């Protein structure tokens, strides 16, 4: 089956921009950790959806990273290695988007979210 490289590159470009912004936040500030976690989540989401599009699979309309990892693992079982970390980063998304759940995040949590995004990006980018 022919791969959809054009769509993949669009998703990957946006995800890379999101990740770059999250990394800049860590480098330039000692605050905004919740927003950095959201940016890392967004980057991971774009990378995973880009991978699914690359494989001509219409991604589900969800922000749940563990669900997206599950879909990606149908094409490559090694995605299962990201399931736990992506589930954790995904849990920040709802917590940080709505005031009823809002909870500040720590620098350590933000660094971990960015690190997960970096690993997912690197894993997906190899060979594509």
N, C-alpha and C. Protein backbone atom coordinates (compact mmCIF):
# COMPACT_ATOMS: atom_id res chain seq x y z
N UNK A 1 0.84 -1.18 0.00
CA UNK A 1 0.00 0.00 0.00
C UNK A 1 0.89 1.25 0.00
N UNK A 2 0.53 2.19 -0.85
CA UNK A 2 1.29 3.44 -0.94
C UNK A 2 1.09 4.27 0.33
N UNK A 3 2.19 4.83 0.82
CA UNK A 3 2.16 5.64 2.04
C UNK A 3 1.83 7.09 1.69
N UNK A 4 1.17 7.76 2.60
CA UNK A 4 0.75 9.14 2.41
C UNK A 4 1.79 10.07 3.05
N UNK A 5 2.91 10.23 2.40
CA UNK A 5 4.02 11.01 2.95
C UNK A 5 3.67 12.50 3.07
N UNK A 6 2.89 13.01 2.15
CA UNK A 6 2.54 14.44 2.17
C UNK A 6 1.76 14.79 3.45
N UNK A 7 0.75 14.01 3.77
CA UNK A 7 -0.02 14.25 5.00
C UNK A 7 0.85 14.08 6.23
N UNK A 8 1.69 13.04 6.21
CA UNK A 8 2.59 12.77 7.32
C UNK A 8 3.46 13.99 7.59
N UNK A 9 4.03 14.55 6.56
CA UNK A 9 4.92 15.70 6.72
C UNK A 9 4.18 16.92 7.27
N UNK A 10 2.93 17.12 6.86
CA UNK A 10 2.15 18.25 7.39
C UNK A 10 1.92 18.09 8.90
N UNK A 11 1.46 16.90 9.29
CA UNK A 11 1.22 16.63 10.71
C UNK A 11 2.52 16.76 11.50
N UNK A 12 3.60 16.23 10.94
CA UNK A 12 4.88 16.24 11.64
C UNK A 12 5.42 17.65 11.80
N UNK A 13 5.23 18.49 10.80
CA UNK A 13 5.68 19.88 10.89
C UNK A 13 4.95 20.61 12.02
N UNK A 14 3.66 20.42 12.10
CA UNK A 14 2.88 21.07 13.16
C UNK A 14 3.29 20.54 14.54
N UNK A 15 3.44 19.21 14.64
CA UNK A 15 3.86 18.61 15.91
C UNK A 15 5.23 19.10 16.34
N UNK A 16 6.13 19.22 15.38
CA UNK A 16 7.49 19.69 15.69
C UNK A 16 7.46 21.13 16.19
N UNK A 17 6.57 21.94 15.63
CA UNK A 17 6.42 23.31 16.08
C UNK A 17 5.88 23.36 17.51
N UNK A 18 4.89 22.53 17.80
CA UNK A 18 4.33 22.44 19.16
C UNK A 18 5.42 22.03 20.15
N UNK A 19 6.20 21.03 19.77
CA UNK A 19 7.27 20.54 20.65
C UNK A 19 8.35 21.61 20.84
N UNK A 20 8.70 22.29 19.77
CA UNK A 20 9.68 23.37 19.88
C UNK A 20 9.24 24.45 20.85
N UNK A 21 7.96 24.78 20.81
CA UNK A 21 7.42 25.81 21.71
C UNK A 21 7.48 25.33 23.16
N UNK A 22 7.16 24.05 23.39
CA UNK A 22 7.21 23.48 24.74
C UNK A 22 8.65 23.51 25.27
N UNK A 23 9.60 23.14 24.42
CA UNK A 23 11.01 23.14 24.83
C UNK A 23 11.50 24.55 25.13
N UNK A 24 11.06 25.50 24.33
CA UNK A 24 11.42 26.90 24.56
C UNK A 24 10.89 27.35 25.92
N UNK A 25 9.68 26.95 26.24
CA UNK A 25 9.11 27.29 27.53
C UNK A 25 9.94 26.77 28.69
N UNK A 26 10.45 25.55 28.56
CA UNK A 26 11.31 24.99 29.61
C UNK A 26 12.64 25.73 29.71
N UNK A 27 13.17 26.13 28.57
CA UNK A 27 14.46 26.80 28.55
C UNK A 27 14.38 28.23 29.08
N UNK A 28 13.28 28.91 28.79
CA UNK A 28 13.19 30.34 29.05
C UNK A 28 12.44 30.74 30.32
N UNK A 29 11.81 29.77 30.99
CA UNK A 29 10.95 30.17 32.10
C UNK A 29 10.98 29.13 33.22
N UNK A 30 10.70 29.61 34.41
CA UNK A 30 10.54 28.72 35.57
C UNK A 30 9.07 28.70 36.00
N UNK A 31 8.21 28.76 35.03
CA UNK A 31 6.77 28.69 35.28
C UNK A 31 6.09 28.18 34.02
N UNK A 32 4.81 28.24 33.96
CA UNK A 32 4.01 27.82 32.81
C UNK A 32 4.12 26.31 32.53
N UNK A 33 4.36 25.52 33.57
CA UNK A 33 4.54 24.08 33.37
C UNK A 33 3.27 23.40 32.87
N UNK A 34 2.13 23.88 33.29
CA UNK A 34 0.87 23.31 32.80
C UNK A 34 0.75 23.53 31.28
N UNK A 35 1.07 24.72 30.83
CA UNK A 35 0.98 25.02 29.41
C UNK A 35 2.01 24.22 28.61
N UNK A 36 3.17 23.99 29.19
CA UNK A 36 4.19 23.17 28.52
C UNK A 36 3.69 21.74 28.37
N UNK A 37 3.03 21.23 29.40
CA UNK A 37 2.46 19.88 29.32
C UNK A 37 1.41 19.80 28.20
N UNK A 38 0.59 20.83 28.08
CA UNK A 38 -0.42 20.85 27.01
C UNK A 38 0.27 20.87 25.65
N UNK A 39 1.31 21.68 25.49
CA UNK A 39 2.02 21.73 24.21
C UNK A 39 2.66 20.39 23.87
N UNK A 40 3.24 19.73 24.87
CA UNK A 40 3.84 18.41 24.65
C UNK A 40 2.76 17.41 24.23
N UNK A 41 1.61 17.48 24.88
CA UNK A 41 0.49 16.61 24.51
C UNK A 41 0.09 16.85 23.06
N UNK A 42 -0.03 18.12 22.70
CA UNK A 42 -0.43 18.46 21.33
C UNK A 42 0.59 17.92 20.32
N UNK A 43 1.87 18.02 20.65
CA UNK A 43 2.91 17.51 19.75
C UNK A 43 2.77 16.00 19.57
N UNK A 44 2.62 15.29 20.67
CA UNK A 44 2.48 13.83 20.59
C UNK A 44 1.26 13.47 19.76
N UNK A 45 0.16 14.16 20.01
CA UNK A 45 -1.07 13.90 19.25
C UNK A 45 -0.84 14.07 17.76
N UNK A 46 -0.15 15.14 17.38
CA UNK A 46 0.12 15.39 15.96
C UNK A 46 1.01 14.30 15.37
N UNK A 47 2.04 13.89 16.12
CA UNK A 47 2.94 12.85 15.62
C UNK A 47 2.19 11.54 15.41
N UNK A 48 1.34 11.17 16.37
CA UNK A 48 0.60 9.91 16.25
C UNK A 48 -0.43 9.97 15.12
N UNK A 49 -1.14 11.07 15.02
CA UNK A 49 -2.11 11.21 13.94
C UNK A 49 -1.41 11.26 12.58
N UNK A 50 -0.25 11.88 12.54
CA UNK A 50 0.54 11.90 11.31
C UNK A 50 0.93 10.49 10.89
N UNK A 51 1.35 9.68 11.85
CA UNK A 51 1.71 8.29 11.55
C UNK A 51 0.51 7.53 11.00
N UNK A 52 -0.65 7.72 11.61
CA UNK A 52 -1.86 7.04 11.13
C UNK A 52 -2.21 7.49 9.72
N UNK A 53 -2.12 8.78 9.46
CA UNK A 53 -2.38 9.29 8.11
C UNK A 53 -1.36 8.76 7.11
N UNK A 54 -0.12 8.64 7.54
CA UNK A 54 0.94 8.09 6.69
C UNK A 54 0.55 6.70 6.19
N UNK A 55 -0.11 5.96 7.07
CA UNK A 55 -0.55 4.60 6.74
C UNK A 55 -1.96 4.56 6.17
N UNK A 56 -2.43 5.72 5.70
CA UNK A 56 -3.75 5.84 5.08
C UNK A 56 -4.88 5.37 5.98
N UNK A 57 -4.71 5.63 7.27
CA UNK A 57 -5.72 5.29 8.26
C UNK A 57 -6.31 6.58 8.78
N UNK A 58 -7.60 6.74 8.67
CA UNK A 58 -8.24 7.95 9.17
C UNK A 58 -8.26 7.90 10.70
N UNK A 59 -7.49 8.78 11.30
CA UNK A 59 -7.36 8.76 12.76
C UNK A 59 -8.69 9.06 13.43
N UNK A 60 -8.88 8.48 14.62
CA UNK A 60 -10.11 8.80 15.36
C UNK A 60 -10.07 10.25 15.84
N UNK A 61 -11.23 10.83 15.97
CA UNK A 61 -11.34 12.20 16.46
C UNK A 61 -11.29 12.15 17.99
N UNK A 62 -10.08 12.14 18.51
CA UNK A 62 -9.86 12.03 19.94
C UNK A 62 -8.59 12.76 20.33
N UNK A 63 -8.51 13.13 21.60
CA UNK A 63 -7.29 13.70 22.15
C UNK A 63 -6.61 12.68 23.08
N UNK A 64 -7.19 11.50 23.18
CA UNK A 64 -6.68 10.45 24.05
C UNK A 64 -5.45 9.78 23.42
N UNK A 65 -4.28 10.10 23.95
CA UNK A 65 -3.04 9.59 23.36
C UNK A 65 -2.94 8.08 23.46
N UNK A 66 -3.44 7.50 24.54
CA UNK A 66 -3.35 6.04 24.67
C UNK A 66 -4.20 5.36 23.61
N UNK A 67 -5.32 5.96 23.25
CA UNK A 67 -6.14 5.40 22.16
C UNK A 67 -5.42 5.51 20.82
N UNK A 68 -4.76 6.64 20.61
CA UNK A 68 -4.00 6.81 19.36
C UNK A 68 -2.82 5.84 19.30
N UNK A 69 -2.16 5.61 20.44
CA UNK A 69 -1.07 4.63 20.48
C UNK A 69 -1.62 3.25 20.13
N UNK A 70 -2.78 2.93 20.67
CA UNK A 70 -3.42 1.64 20.37
C UNK A 70 -3.66 1.48 18.87
N UNK A 71 -4.12 2.54 18.21
CA UNK A 71 -4.35 2.49 16.77
C UNK A 71 -3.02 2.35 16.01
N UNK A 72 -2.01 3.09 16.46
CA UNK A 72 -0.69 3.02 15.81
C UNK A 72 -0.07 1.63 15.95
N UNK A 73 -0.34 0.98 17.08
CA UNK A 73 0.25 -0.34 17.33
C UNK A 73 -0.29 -1.40 16.37
N UNK A 74 -1.39 -1.10 15.70
CA UNK A 74 -1.91 -2.03 14.69
C UNK A 74 -0.97 -2.07 13.48
N UNK A 75 -0.18 -1.02 13.31
CA UNK A 75 0.79 -0.95 12.21
C UNK A 75 2.19 -1.31 12.68
N UNK A 76 2.48 -1.07 13.96
CA UNK A 76 3.80 -1.36 14.51
C UNK A 76 3.62 -1.62 16.01
N UNK A 77 3.80 -2.85 16.42
CA UNK A 77 3.59 -3.26 17.82
C UNK A 77 4.51 -2.51 18.79
N UNK A 78 5.61 -1.97 18.31
CA UNK A 78 6.54 -1.25 19.18
C UNK A 78 5.93 0.02 19.76
N UNK A 79 4.83 0.48 19.20
CA UNK A 79 4.15 1.64 19.77
C UNK A 79 3.65 1.34 21.18
N UNK A 80 3.41 0.08 21.48
CA UNK A 80 2.94 -0.29 22.82
C UNK A 80 3.92 0.15 23.90
N UNK A 81 5.19 0.33 23.55
CA UNK A 81 6.19 0.79 24.52
C UNK A 81 5.88 2.21 25.02
N UNK A 82 5.09 2.96 24.28
CA UNK A 82 4.76 4.34 24.65
C UNK A 82 3.44 4.45 25.41
N UNK A 83 2.74 3.36 25.53
CA UNK A 83 1.37 3.41 26.05
C UNK A 83 1.30 4.07 27.42
N UNK A 84 2.09 3.61 28.38
CA UNK A 84 2.02 4.15 29.75
C UNK A 84 2.36 5.63 29.82
N UNK A 85 3.46 6.01 29.16
CA UNK A 85 3.85 7.42 29.17
C UNK A 85 2.81 8.30 28.48
N UNK A 86 2.28 7.82 27.38
CA UNK A 86 1.26 8.61 26.66
C UNK A 86 -0.03 8.69 27.46
N UNK A 87 -0.36 7.64 28.18
CA UNK A 87 -1.55 7.69 29.04
C UNK A 87 -1.38 8.77 30.11
N UNK A 88 -0.18 8.86 30.68
CA UNK A 88 0.08 9.87 31.71
C UNK A 88 -0.02 11.28 31.13
N UNK A 89 0.64 11.52 30.01
CA UNK A 89 0.58 12.86 29.39
C UNK A 89 -0.85 13.18 28.99
N UNK A 90 -1.57 12.17 28.52
CA UNK A 90 -2.96 12.38 28.12
C UNK A 90 -3.82 12.79 29.32
N UNK A 91 -3.50 12.27 30.49
CA UNK A 91 -4.29 12.61 31.68
C UNK A 91 -4.16 14.08 32.03
N UNK A 92 -3.06 14.72 31.63
CA UNK A 92 -2.89 16.15 31.89
C UNK A 92 -3.85 16.99 31.05
N UNK A 93 -4.19 16.50 29.89
CA UNK A 93 -4.93 17.30 28.91
C UNK A 93 -6.26 17.82 29.48
N UNK A 94 -7.09 16.93 29.97
CA UNK A 94 -8.38 17.35 30.52
C UNK A 94 -8.16 18.15 31.80
N UNK A 95 -7.23 17.68 32.63
CA UNK A 95 -6.96 18.38 33.88
C UNK A 95 -6.58 19.84 33.66
N UNK A 96 -5.90 20.10 32.56
CA UNK A 96 -5.36 21.44 32.35
C UNK A 96 -6.23 22.32 31.47
N UNK A 97 -7.19 21.75 30.82
CA UNK A 97 -8.00 22.54 29.90
C UNK A 97 -9.25 23.13 30.54
N UNK A 98 -9.67 22.59 31.67
CA UNK A 98 -10.92 23.03 32.26
C UNK A 98 -10.73 23.38 33.73
N UNK A 99 -11.25 24.52 34.17
CA UNK A 99 -11.01 24.99 35.54
C UNK A 99 -11.48 24.03 36.62
N UNK A 100 -12.47 23.24 36.35
CA UNK A 100 -12.98 22.33 37.37
C UNK A 100 -11.94 21.29 37.78
N UNK A 101 -11.02 20.97 36.87
CA UNK A 101 -9.98 19.96 37.13
C UNK A 101 -8.59 20.58 37.28
N UNK A 102 -8.46 21.87 36.99
CA UNK A 102 -7.14 22.48 36.83
C UNK A 102 -6.24 22.24 38.04
N UNK A 103 -5.06 21.75 37.75
CA UNK A 103 -4.06 21.49 38.79
C UNK A 103 -2.71 21.88 38.22
N UNK A 104 -1.98 22.69 38.93
CA UNK A 104 -0.65 23.10 38.45
C UNK A 104 0.23 21.87 38.27
N UNK A 105 1.13 21.94 37.34
CA UNK A 105 2.09 20.88 37.09
C UNK A 105 3.48 21.35 37.50
N UNK A 106 4.34 20.41 37.76
CA UNK A 106 5.70 20.73 38.20
C UNK A 106 6.65 20.76 37.00
N UNK A 107 7.82 21.29 37.23
CA UNK A 107 8.84 21.29 36.19
C UNK A 107 9.15 19.84 35.79
N UNK A 108 9.23 18.96 36.76
CA UNK A 108 9.53 17.55 36.48
C UNK A 108 8.47 16.94 35.57
N UNK A 109 7.21 17.22 35.81
CA UNK A 109 6.13 16.71 34.96
C UNK A 109 6.24 17.28 33.55
N UNK A 110 6.54 18.57 33.45
CA UNK A 110 6.67 19.20 32.14
C UNK A 110 7.87 18.63 31.38
N UNK A 111 8.97 18.43 32.07
CA UNK A 111 10.16 17.85 31.44
C UNK A 111 9.87 16.43 30.94
N UNK A 112 9.13 15.67 31.74
CA UNK A 112 8.79 14.29 31.33
C UNK A 112 7.88 14.32 30.11
N UNK A 113 6.91 15.20 30.08
CA UNK A 113 5.99 15.29 28.94
C UNK A 113 6.77 15.64 27.67
N UNK A 114 7.71 16.56 27.76
CA UNK A 114 8.52 16.95 26.61
C UNK A 114 9.41 15.79 26.19
N UNK A 115 9.97 15.08 27.15
CA UNK A 115 10.83 13.93 26.84
C UNK A 115 10.04 12.84 26.12
N UNK A 116 8.81 12.60 26.54
CA UNK A 116 7.96 11.61 25.86
C UNK A 116 7.70 12.06 24.43
N UNK A 117 7.39 13.33 24.25
CA UNK A 117 7.15 13.85 22.90
C UNK A 117 8.39 13.67 22.03
N UNK A 118 9.55 13.94 22.57
CA UNK A 118 10.81 13.76 21.82
C UNK A 118 11.00 12.31 21.40
N UNK A 119 10.74 11.39 22.32
CA UNK A 119 10.90 9.96 22.01
C UNK A 119 9.92 9.49 20.96
N UNK A 120 8.67 9.92 21.07
CA UNK A 120 7.65 9.54 20.08
C UNK A 120 8.05 10.09 18.71
N UNK A 121 8.46 11.35 18.68
CA UNK A 121 8.88 11.97 17.41
C UNK A 121 10.01 11.19 16.77
N UNK A 122 11.03 10.90 17.55
CA UNK A 122 12.20 10.18 17.04
C UNK A 122 11.81 8.79 16.53
N UNK A 123 10.99 8.08 17.27
CA UNK A 123 10.57 6.74 16.89
C UNK A 123 9.81 6.76 15.57
N UNK A 124 8.89 7.71 15.44
CA UNK A 124 8.06 7.77 14.23
C UNK A 124 8.86 8.25 13.04
N UNK A 125 9.74 9.19 13.23
CA UNK A 125 10.46 9.80 12.12
C UNK A 125 11.43 8.83 11.45
N UNK A 126 11.98 7.89 12.20
CA UNK A 126 12.93 6.93 11.64
C UNK A 126 12.25 6.10 10.55
N UNK A 127 12.81 6.14 9.39
CA UNK A 127 12.32 5.31 8.30
C UNK A 127 11.10 5.84 7.54
N UNK A 128 10.70 7.04 7.82
CA UNK A 128 9.53 7.58 7.12
C UNK A 128 9.98 8.62 6.12
